[in-house]
């Protein structure tokens, strides 16, 4: 991993500048859902774009079913009390595999 990072820095220094250019925290840039319009994604064409399951399998990520979650909450009331009603639940978009979802009973 360290070798890859060093090669990127060596051959693509502008990428590193881009990554660290925005020092504002992500939560400060989050807009309320009422101020945004939904993104209408095209259906996968299986040439350039692929369905979610195929894309996740291409990443070659492997997790055991008994692994502890890698994201944890400091306050369990925030997702349903603030994030879902105000920001349309951004947690749903954290994981490219779509593992985080709101379940309504």
N, C-alpha and C. Protein backbone atom coordinates (compact mmCIF):
# COMPACT_ATOMS: atom_id res chain seq x y z
N UNK A 1 0.82 -1.19 0.00
CA UNK A 1 0.00 0.00 0.00
C UNK A 1 0.87 1.26 0.00
N UNK A 2 1.89 1.26 0.85
CA UNK A 2 2.76 2.42 0.93
C UNK A 2 3.47 2.68 -0.39
N UNK A 3 3.85 1.63 -1.08
CA UNK A 3 4.51 1.77 -2.38
C UNK A 3 3.57 2.44 -3.37
N UNK A 4 2.30 2.03 -3.36
CA UNK A 4 1.32 2.62 -4.28
C UNK A 4 1.15 4.10 -4.01
N UNK A 5 1.04 4.48 -2.75
CA UNK A 5 0.88 5.89 -2.38
C UNK A 5 2.10 6.68 -2.83
N UNK A 6 3.28 6.13 -2.60
CA UNK A 6 4.50 6.83 -3.01
C UNK A 6 4.57 7.00 -4.53
N UNK A 7 4.14 6.00 -5.28
CA UNK A 7 4.13 6.12 -6.74
C UNK A 7 3.14 7.18 -7.21
N UNK A 8 1.99 7.22 -6.56
CA UNK A 8 0.99 8.23 -6.92
C UNK A 8 1.55 9.63 -6.67
N UNK A 9 2.17 9.81 -5.51
CA UNK A 9 2.76 11.11 -5.17
C UNK A 9 3.85 11.48 -6.17
N UNK A 10 4.65 10.50 -6.56
CA UNK A 10 5.75 10.75 -7.48
C UNK A 10 5.27 11.13 -8.87
N UNK A 11 4.30 10.37 -9.40
CA UNK A 11 3.88 10.57 -10.78
C UNK A 11 2.67 11.50 -10.94
N UNK A 12 1.88 11.65 -9.88
CA UNK A 12 0.68 12.48 -9.97
C UNK A 12 0.57 13.42 -8.76
N UNK A 13 1.51 14.33 -8.59
CA UNK A 13 1.48 15.19 -7.41
C UNK A 13 0.24 16.07 -7.33
N UNK A 14 -0.35 16.40 -8.46
CA UNK A 14 -1.55 17.25 -8.44
C UNK A 14 -2.73 16.53 -7.80
N UNK A 15 -2.74 15.21 -7.83
CA UNK A 15 -3.81 14.45 -7.19
C UNK A 15 -3.79 14.69 -5.69
N UNK A 16 -2.63 14.68 -5.11
CA UNK A 16 -2.50 14.89 -3.67
C UNK A 16 -2.94 16.30 -3.31
N UNK A 17 -2.57 17.27 -4.09
CA UNK A 17 -3.00 18.64 -3.85
C UNK A 17 -4.52 18.71 -3.91
N UNK A 18 -5.12 18.04 -4.86
CA UNK A 18 -6.57 18.02 -4.98
C UNK A 18 -7.22 17.38 -3.76
N UNK A 19 -6.66 16.30 -3.27
CA UNK A 19 -7.24 15.60 -2.14
C UNK A 19 -7.23 16.43 -0.86
N UNK A 20 -6.21 17.23 -0.67
CA UNK A 20 -6.09 18.00 0.56
C UNK A 20 -6.40 19.48 0.38
N UNK A 21 -6.90 19.85 -0.78
CA UNK A 21 -7.19 21.26 -1.06
C UNK A 21 -8.38 21.75 -0.25
N UNK A 22 -9.39 20.93 -0.06
CA UNK A 22 -10.60 21.33 0.64
C UNK A 22 -10.48 20.92 2.11
N UNK A 23 -10.20 21.87 2.96
CA UNK A 23 -10.00 21.57 4.37
C UNK A 23 -11.28 21.69 5.19
N UNK A 24 -12.38 22.07 4.54
CA UNK A 24 -13.66 22.16 5.24
C UNK A 24 -14.19 20.75 5.50
N UNK A 25 -14.69 20.47 6.70
CA UNK A 25 -15.20 19.11 6.97
C UNK A 25 -16.44 18.80 6.13
N UNK A 26 -16.63 17.52 5.83
CA UNK A 26 -17.73 17.09 4.98
C UNK A 26 -19.09 17.53 5.51
N UNK A 27 -19.29 17.40 6.83
CA UNK A 27 -20.60 17.74 7.38
C UNK A 27 -20.94 19.22 7.20
N UNK A 28 -19.92 20.08 7.09
CA UNK A 28 -20.17 21.51 6.89
C UNK A 28 -20.65 21.81 5.47
N UNK A 29 -20.42 20.90 4.54
CA UNK A 29 -20.81 21.08 3.14
C UNK A 29 -22.15 20.43 2.82
N UNK A 30 -22.72 19.69 3.76
CA UNK A 30 -23.95 18.95 3.53
C UNK A 30 -25.14 19.90 3.39
N UNK A 31 -25.89 19.78 2.31
CA UNK A 31 -27.07 20.61 2.08
C UNK A 31 -28.32 19.88 2.54
N UNK A 32 -29.31 20.63 2.92
CA UNK A 32 -30.58 20.02 3.31
C UNK A 32 -31.26 19.44 2.08
N UNK A 33 -32.00 18.37 2.28
CA UNK A 33 -32.65 17.66 1.18
C UNK A 33 -33.60 18.57 0.41
N UNK A 34 -34.27 19.48 1.11
CA UNK A 34 -35.24 20.37 0.44
C UNK A 34 -34.56 21.32 -0.55
N UNK A 35 -33.26 21.52 -0.41
CA UNK A 35 -32.51 22.41 -1.30
C UNK A 35 -31.85 21.67 -2.46
N UNK A 36 -32.09 20.37 -2.57
CA UNK A 36 -31.45 19.55 -3.60
C UNK A 36 -32.51 18.82 -4.42
N UNK A 37 -32.16 18.51 -5.66
CA UNK A 37 -33.06 17.69 -6.46
C UNK A 37 -32.46 16.30 -6.62
N UNK A 38 -33.31 15.27 -6.64
CA UNK A 38 -32.78 13.90 -6.77
C UNK A 38 -32.03 13.70 -8.09
N UNK A 39 -31.03 12.86 -8.04
CA UNK A 39 -30.25 12.52 -9.23
C UNK A 39 -30.95 11.38 -9.94
N UNK A 40 -31.24 11.55 -11.20
CA UNK A 40 -31.87 10.51 -12.02
C UNK A 40 -30.76 9.75 -12.75
N UNK A 41 -30.41 8.59 -12.25
CA UNK A 41 -29.36 7.78 -12.86
C UNK A 41 -29.94 6.95 -14.00
N UNK A 42 -29.16 6.81 -15.07
CA UNK A 42 -29.56 5.95 -16.17
C UNK A 42 -29.38 4.49 -15.76
N UNK A 43 -30.11 3.61 -16.42
CA UNK A 43 -29.94 2.19 -16.15
C UNK A 43 -28.56 1.75 -16.64
N UNK A 44 -27.93 0.79 -15.96
CA UNK A 44 -26.61 0.31 -16.37
C UNK A 44 -26.64 -0.24 -17.80
N UNK A 45 -25.61 0.09 -18.57
CA UNK A 45 -25.54 -0.41 -19.95
C UNK A 45 -24.66 -1.66 -20.07
N UNK A 46 -24.02 -2.07 -18.98
CA UNK A 46 -23.12 -3.24 -18.94
C UNK A 46 -21.92 -3.12 -19.88
N UNK A 47 -21.61 -1.90 -20.29
CA UNK A 47 -20.41 -1.63 -21.07
C UNK A 47 -19.52 -0.67 -20.27
N UNK A 48 -20.10 0.47 -19.92
CA UNK A 48 -19.38 1.47 -19.13
C UNK A 48 -19.92 1.50 -17.70
N UNK A 49 -21.21 1.33 -17.55
CA UNK A 49 -21.83 1.33 -16.23
C UNK A 49 -22.43 -0.04 -15.94
N UNK A 50 -22.39 -0.43 -14.65
CA UNK A 50 -22.85 -1.75 -14.27
C UNK A 50 -23.77 -1.66 -13.06
N UNK A 51 -24.52 -2.73 -12.84
CA UNK A 51 -25.42 -2.77 -11.68
C UNK A 51 -24.59 -2.82 -10.40
N UNK A 52 -25.24 -2.54 -9.28
CA UNK A 52 -24.56 -2.45 -8.00
C UNK A 52 -23.84 -3.74 -7.62
N UNK A 53 -24.52 -4.86 -7.75
CA UNK A 53 -23.92 -6.13 -7.35
C UNK A 53 -22.66 -6.45 -8.16
N UNK A 54 -22.70 -6.21 -9.46
CA UNK A 54 -21.52 -6.46 -10.30
C UNK A 54 -20.37 -5.51 -9.93
N UNK A 55 -20.70 -4.26 -9.68
CA UNK A 55 -19.67 -3.28 -9.33
C UNK A 55 -19.00 -3.62 -8.01
N UNK A 56 -19.78 -4.04 -7.03
CA UNK A 56 -19.21 -4.41 -5.73
C UNK A 56 -18.33 -5.65 -5.86
N UNK A 57 -18.76 -6.61 -6.65
CA UNK A 57 -17.95 -7.82 -6.81
C UNK A 57 -16.63 -7.52 -7.52
N UNK A 58 -16.60 -6.51 -8.37
CA UNK A 58 -15.35 -6.14 -9.05
C UNK A 58 -14.33 -5.53 -8.09
N UNK A 59 -14.77 -5.03 -6.95
CA UNK A 59 -13.84 -4.44 -5.99
C UNK A 59 -13.04 -5.50 -5.25
N UNK A 60 -13.50 -6.74 -5.32
CA UNK A 60 -12.84 -7.86 -4.65
C UNK A 60 -12.76 -7.66 -3.13
N UNK A 61 -13.76 -6.98 -2.58
CA UNK A 61 -13.84 -6.78 -1.14
C UNK A 61 -14.44 -8.01 -0.50
N UNK A 62 -13.87 -8.43 0.63
CA UNK A 62 -14.36 -9.62 1.29
C UNK A 62 -14.47 -9.35 2.79
N UNK A 63 -15.66 -9.55 3.34
CA UNK A 63 -15.88 -9.40 4.78
C UNK A 63 -16.51 -10.68 5.31
N UNK A 64 -16.07 -11.10 6.48
CA UNK A 64 -16.71 -12.23 7.14
C UNK A 64 -18.02 -11.79 7.75
N UNK A 65 -18.97 -12.69 7.83
CA UNK A 65 -20.29 -12.34 8.34
C UNK A 65 -20.27 -11.98 9.82
N UNK A 66 -19.25 -12.41 10.56
CA UNK A 66 -19.19 -12.11 11.98
C UNK A 66 -18.26 -10.93 12.32
N UNK A 67 -17.82 -10.18 11.30
CA UNK A 67 -16.97 -9.02 11.55
C UNK A 67 -17.78 -7.91 12.21
N UNK A 68 -17.16 -7.18 13.15
CA UNK A 68 -17.87 -6.06 13.75
C UNK A 68 -18.02 -4.92 12.73
N UNK A 69 -19.03 -4.08 12.89
CA UNK A 69 -19.21 -2.97 11.94
C UNK A 69 -18.04 -2.00 12.00
N UNK A 70 -17.67 -1.46 10.86
CA UNK A 70 -16.55 -0.52 10.83
C UNK A 70 -17.02 0.92 11.03
N UNK A 71 -18.32 1.16 10.98
CA UNK A 71 -18.87 2.48 11.30
C UNK A 71 -19.79 2.33 12.50
N UNK A 72 -19.58 3.17 13.49
CA UNK A 72 -20.43 3.12 14.67
C UNK A 72 -20.98 4.51 14.96
N UNK A 73 -22.06 4.58 15.71
CA UNK A 73 -22.71 5.84 16.03
C UNK A 73 -22.36 6.30 17.43
N UNK A 74 -22.16 7.60 17.58
CA UNK A 74 -21.98 8.17 18.91
C UNK A 74 -23.34 8.36 19.57
N UNK A 75 -24.35 8.72 18.76
CA UNK A 75 -25.70 8.96 19.27
C UNK A 75 -26.69 8.28 18.34
N UNK A 76 -27.35 7.23 18.81
CA UNK A 76 -28.27 6.44 17.98
C UNK A 76 -29.51 7.21 17.53
N UNK A 77 -29.80 8.35 18.16
CA UNK A 77 -31.01 9.08 17.79
C UNK A 77 -30.80 10.03 16.61
N UNK A 78 -29.57 10.33 16.27
CA UNK A 78 -29.28 11.31 15.21
C UNK A 78 -29.75 10.85 13.82
N UNK A 79 -29.50 9.60 13.41
CA UNK A 79 -29.92 9.21 12.06
C UNK A 79 -31.42 9.38 11.80
N UNK A 80 -32.26 8.91 12.71
CA UNK A 80 -33.70 9.00 12.48
C UNK A 80 -34.29 10.32 12.95
N UNK A 81 -33.64 10.99 13.90
CA UNK A 81 -34.17 12.24 14.43
C UNK A 81 -33.77 13.47 13.63
N UNK A 82 -32.58 13.45 13.03
CA UNK A 82 -32.09 14.62 12.29
C UNK A 82 -31.76 14.27 10.84
N UNK A 83 -30.89 13.29 10.65
CA UNK A 83 -30.37 13.02 9.31
C UNK A 83 -31.43 12.61 8.29
N UNK A 84 -32.35 11.74 8.67
CA UNK A 84 -33.38 11.30 7.72
C UNK A 84 -34.37 12.42 7.39
N UNK A 85 -34.97 13.10 8.38
CA UNK A 85 -35.94 14.13 8.02
C UNK A 85 -35.33 15.38 7.37
N UNK A 86 -34.13 15.77 7.76
CA UNK A 86 -33.54 17.01 7.26
C UNK A 86 -32.68 16.79 6.02
N UNK A 87 -31.86 15.74 6.04
CA UNK A 87 -30.88 15.52 4.96
C UNK A 87 -31.18 14.30 4.10
N UNK A 88 -32.31 13.68 4.27
CA UNK A 88 -32.71 12.48 3.53
C UNK A 88 -31.76 11.31 3.77
N UNK A 89 -31.24 11.22 4.98
CA UNK A 89 -30.42 10.08 5.38
C UNK A 89 -29.18 9.85 4.56
N UNK A 90 -28.16 10.70 4.67
CA UNK A 90 -26.94 10.49 3.88
C UNK A 90 -26.22 9.19 4.20
N UNK A 91 -26.52 8.58 5.36
CA UNK A 91 -25.89 7.31 5.71
C UNK A 91 -26.17 6.24 4.67
N UNK A 92 -27.27 6.37 3.98
CA UNK A 92 -27.64 5.39 2.94
C UNK A 92 -26.65 5.39 1.79
N UNK A 93 -25.86 6.44 1.67
CA UNK A 93 -24.95 6.58 0.55
C UNK A 93 -23.48 6.37 0.93
N UNK A 94 -23.20 6.07 2.21
CA UNK A 94 -21.81 5.88 2.64
C UNK A 94 -21.17 4.66 2.01
N UNK A 95 -21.90 3.58 1.96
CA UNK A 95 -21.35 2.31 1.52
C UNK A 95 -21.75 2.04 0.07
N UNK A 96 -20.78 1.85 -0.81
CA UNK A 96 -21.12 1.59 -2.20
C UNK A 96 -21.88 0.28 -2.39
N UNK A 97 -21.82 -0.61 -1.42
CA UNK A 97 -22.55 -1.88 -1.52
C UNK A 97 -24.01 -1.72 -1.09
N UNK A 98 -24.38 -0.55 -0.60
CA UNK A 98 -25.77 -0.32 -0.19
C UNK A 98 -26.14 -1.06 1.08
N UNK A 99 -25.20 -1.25 1.99
CA UNK A 99 -25.46 -2.01 3.21
C UNK A 99 -26.21 -1.21 4.27
N UNK A 100 -26.13 0.11 4.22
CA UNK A 100 -26.78 0.93 5.23
C UNK A 100 -28.10 1.44 4.69
N UNK A 101 -29.17 1.06 5.35
CA UNK A 101 -30.50 1.44 4.88
C UNK A 101 -31.38 1.77 6.06
N UNK A 102 -32.39 2.57 5.81
CA UNK A 102 -33.41 2.83 6.81
C UNK A 102 -34.51 1.81 6.59
N UNK A 103 -34.92 1.16 7.64
CA UNK A 103 -36.02 0.19 7.54
C UNK A 103 -37.19 0.75 8.31
N UNK A 104 -38.31 0.93 7.62
CA UNK A 104 -39.51 1.48 8.25
C UNK A 104 -40.44 0.36 8.61
N UNK A 105 -40.86 0.32 9.87
CA UNK A 105 -41.78 -0.72 10.33
C UNK A 105 -43.19 -0.17 10.40
